């Protein structure tokens, strides 16, 4: 099952990177929605999910710093 979570996070990351390039608030929020879905499903303590959250949060901090 962990392999499926890793694949799901990788798909979420690819989507997020595309969304970031497009600078689309709607698509970026969808990446967060995916993360929250994983966390609510009980995978909050899985390293790859935690790393995904940190990546999303870091991107948000970076964007806010440039504004």
N, C-alpha and C. Protein backbone atom coordinates (compact mmCIF):
# COMPACT_ATOMS: atom_id res chain seq x y z
N UNK A 1 0.83 -1.19 0.00
CA UNK A 1 0.00 0.00 0.00
C UNK A 1 0.87 1.25 0.00
N UNK A 2 2.02 1.21 0.67
CA UNK A 2 2.90 2.37 0.71
C UNK A 2 3.31 2.79 -0.70
N UNK A 3 3.52 1.81 -1.57
CA UNK A 3 3.89 2.12 -2.96
C UNK A 3 2.79 2.94 -3.64
N UNK A 4 1.54 2.63 -3.35
CA UNK A 4 0.43 3.39 -3.93
C UNK A 4 0.41 4.83 -3.42
N UNK A 5 0.72 5.02 -2.15
CA UNK A 5 0.77 6.37 -1.57
C UNK A 5 1.89 7.16 -2.23
N UNK A 6 3.06 6.52 -2.41
CA UNK A 6 4.18 7.19 -3.06
C UNK A 6 3.81 7.61 -4.49
N UNK A 7 3.12 6.75 -5.22
CA UNK A 7 2.69 7.09 -6.58
C UNK A 7 1.69 8.25 -6.55
N UNK A 8 0.81 8.24 -5.58
CA UNK A 8 -0.18 9.30 -5.46
C UNK A 8 0.49 10.63 -5.16
N UNK A 9 1.47 10.62 -4.27
CA UNK A 9 2.20 11.85 -3.95
C UNK A 9 2.97 12.32 -5.18
N UNK A 10 3.59 11.42 -5.90
CA UNK A 10 4.33 11.81 -7.10
C UNK A 10 3.40 12.46 -8.12
N UNK A 11 2.21 11.91 -8.30
CA UNK A 11 1.24 12.53 -9.21
C UNK A 11 0.85 13.91 -8.70
N UNK A 12 0.66 14.04 -7.40
CA UNK A 12 0.34 15.34 -6.81
C UNK A 12 1.46 16.34 -7.01
N UNK A 13 2.70 15.86 -6.87
CA UNK A 13 3.86 16.75 -7.08
C UNK A 13 3.93 17.23 -8.52
N UNK A 14 3.75 16.32 -9.47
CA UNK A 14 3.78 16.71 -10.88
C UNK A 14 2.70 17.74 -11.17
N UNK A 15 1.52 17.51 -10.64
CA UNK A 15 0.42 18.45 -10.83
C UNK A 15 0.76 19.81 -10.21
N UNK A 16 1.33 19.79 -9.00
CA UNK A 16 1.69 21.02 -8.32
C UNK A 16 2.75 21.80 -9.09
N UNK A 17 3.75 21.11 -9.61
CA UNK A 17 4.80 21.80 -10.37
C UNK A 17 4.21 22.45 -11.62
N UNK A 18 3.32 21.76 -12.29
CA UNK A 18 2.66 22.34 -13.46
C UNK A 18 1.82 23.54 -13.03
N UNK A 19 1.10 23.40 -11.94
CA UNK A 19 0.27 24.50 -11.43
C UNK A 19 1.12 25.70 -11.07
N UNK A 20 2.28 25.45 -10.48
CA UNK A 20 3.17 26.55 -10.11
C UNK A 20 3.67 27.29 -11.34
N UNK A 21 4.01 26.54 -12.37
CA UNK A 21 4.46 27.15 -13.62
C UNK A 21 3.36 28.00 -14.23
N UNK A 22 2.14 27.53 -14.13
CA UNK A 22 1.00 28.27 -14.70
C UNK A 22 0.57 29.42 -13.79
N UNK A 23 1.02 29.40 -12.55
CA UNK A 23 0.66 30.38 -11.54
C UNK A 23 -0.87 30.49 -11.41
N UNK A 24 -1.50 29.33 -11.38
CA UNK A 24 -2.95 29.26 -11.28
C UNK A 24 -3.35 28.95 -9.83
N UNK A 25 -3.97 29.90 -9.15
CA UNK A 25 -4.39 29.65 -7.77
C UNK A 25 -5.32 28.45 -7.64
N UNK A 26 -6.20 28.25 -8.61
CA UNK A 26 -7.14 27.13 -8.54
C UNK A 26 -6.39 25.80 -8.59
N UNK A 27 -5.44 25.65 -9.49
CA UNK A 27 -4.75 24.38 -9.60
C UNK A 27 -3.81 24.15 -8.41
N UNK A 28 -3.23 25.21 -7.88
CA UNK A 28 -2.39 25.06 -6.69
C UNK A 28 -3.25 24.61 -5.51
N UNK A 29 -4.45 25.15 -5.39
CA UNK A 29 -5.34 24.72 -4.30
C UNK A 29 -5.73 23.26 -4.47
N UNK A 30 -5.81 22.78 -5.69
CA UNK A 30 -6.12 21.36 -5.93
C UNK A 30 -4.99 20.46 -5.44
N UNK A 31 -3.75 20.92 -5.56
CA UNK A 31 -2.62 20.15 -5.04
C UNK A 31 -2.73 20.05 -3.52
N UNK A 32 -3.09 21.15 -2.87
CA UNK A 32 -3.32 21.13 -1.42
C UNK A 32 -4.49 20.21 -1.08
N UNK A 33 -5.54 20.23 -1.87
CA UNK A 33 -6.69 19.35 -1.63
C UNK A 33 -6.24 17.89 -1.65
N UNK A 34 -5.39 17.54 -2.60
CA UNK A 34 -4.90 16.17 -2.70
C UNK A 34 -4.11 15.81 -1.45
N UNK A 35 -3.25 16.70 -1.01
CA UNK A 35 -2.47 16.47 0.19
C UNK A 35 -3.38 16.26 1.40
N UNK A 36 -4.36 17.10 1.56
CA UNK A 36 -5.29 16.99 2.69
C UNK A 36 -6.05 15.68 2.63
N UNK A 37 -6.43 15.24 1.44
CA UNK A 37 -7.11 13.96 1.28
C UNK A 37 -6.23 12.82 1.78
N UNK A 38 -4.95 12.85 1.41
CA UNK A 38 -4.02 11.83 1.87
C UNK A 38 -3.88 11.86 3.39
N UNK A 39 -3.73 13.05 3.94
CA UNK A 39 -3.57 13.18 5.39
C UNK A 39 -4.82 12.70 6.12
N UNK A 40 -5.99 13.06 5.62
CA UNK A 40 -7.25 12.65 6.26
C UNK A 40 -7.50 11.15 6.13
N UNK A 41 -6.87 10.53 5.14
CA UNK A 41 -7.02 9.08 4.96
C UNK A 41 -6.10 8.31 5.90
N UNK A 42 -5.33 9.03 6.71
CA UNK A 42 -4.50 8.36 7.70
C UNK A 42 -3.03 8.28 7.34
N UNK A 43 -2.60 8.99 6.30
CA UNK A 43 -1.21 8.91 5.86
C UNK A 43 -0.38 10.12 6.27
N UNK A 44 -0.84 10.84 7.25
CA UNK A 44 -0.17 12.06 7.70
C UNK A 44 1.25 11.79 8.19
N UNK A 45 1.50 10.62 8.75
CA UNK A 45 2.82 10.30 9.30
C UNK A 45 3.73 9.58 8.32
N UNK A 46 3.28 9.42 7.08
CA UNK A 46 4.12 8.78 6.06
C UNK A 46 5.10 9.83 5.54
N UNK A 47 6.37 9.48 5.49
CA UNK A 47 7.43 10.43 5.15
C UNK A 47 7.18 11.14 3.82
N UNK A 48 6.79 10.43 2.81
CA UNK A 48 6.59 11.04 1.49
C UNK A 48 5.45 12.07 1.54
N UNK A 49 4.43 11.81 2.34
CA UNK A 49 3.32 12.76 2.49
C UNK A 49 3.81 13.99 3.27
N UNK A 50 4.59 13.77 4.31
CA UNK A 50 5.15 14.89 5.06
C UNK A 50 6.07 15.74 4.17
N UNK A 51 6.86 15.08 3.34
CA UNK A 51 7.74 15.81 2.42
C UNK A 51 6.94 16.63 1.42
N UNK A 52 5.83 16.07 0.95
CA UNK A 52 4.96 16.78 0.00
C UNK A 52 4.39 18.03 0.66
N UNK A 53 3.94 17.91 1.91
CA UNK A 53 3.42 19.08 2.64
C UNK A 53 4.51 20.14 2.75
N UNK A 54 5.70 19.73 3.12
CA UNK A 54 6.79 20.70 3.27
C UNK A 54 7.10 21.38 1.93
N UNK A 55 7.07 20.62 0.85
CA UNK A 55 7.32 21.20 -0.47
C UNK A 55 6.25 22.24 -0.82
N UNK A 56 5.00 21.93 -0.57
CA UNK A 56 3.93 22.88 -0.85
C UNK A 56 4.05 24.12 0.03
N UNK A 57 4.33 23.90 1.31
CA UNK A 57 4.46 25.03 2.23
C UNK A 57 5.67 25.90 1.88
N UNK A 58 6.78 25.28 1.50
CA UNK A 58 7.96 26.04 1.13
C UNK A 58 7.69 26.88 -0.12
N UNK A 59 6.99 26.31 -1.05
CA UNK A 59 6.65 27.05 -2.26
C UNK A 59 5.79 28.26 -1.93
N UNK A 60 4.84 28.07 -1.01
CA UNK A 60 3.99 29.18 -0.59
C UNK A 60 4.82 30.27 0.08
N UNK A 61 5.75 29.86 0.96
CA UNK A 61 6.61 30.85 1.63
C UNK A 61 7.48 31.59 0.63
N UNK A 62 8.03 30.87 -0.34
CA UNK A 62 8.86 31.49 -1.37
C UNK A 62 8.06 32.52 -2.18
N UNK A 63 6.83 32.15 -2.53
CA UNK A 63 6.00 33.05 -3.32
C UNK A 63 5.66 34.30 -2.51
N UNK A 64 5.33 34.13 -1.23
CA UNK A 64 5.01 35.27 -0.38
C UNK A 64 6.21 36.19 -0.19
N UNK A 65 7.41 35.62 -0.18
CA UNK A 65 8.62 36.41 0.01
C UNK A 65 8.92 37.29 -1.20
N UNK A 66 8.46 36.85 -2.38
CA UNK A 66 8.72 37.63 -3.59
C UNK A 66 7.67 38.71 -3.85
N UNK A 67 6.59 38.68 -3.08
CA UNK A 67 5.54 39.68 -3.28
C UNK A 67 5.85 40.98 -2.62
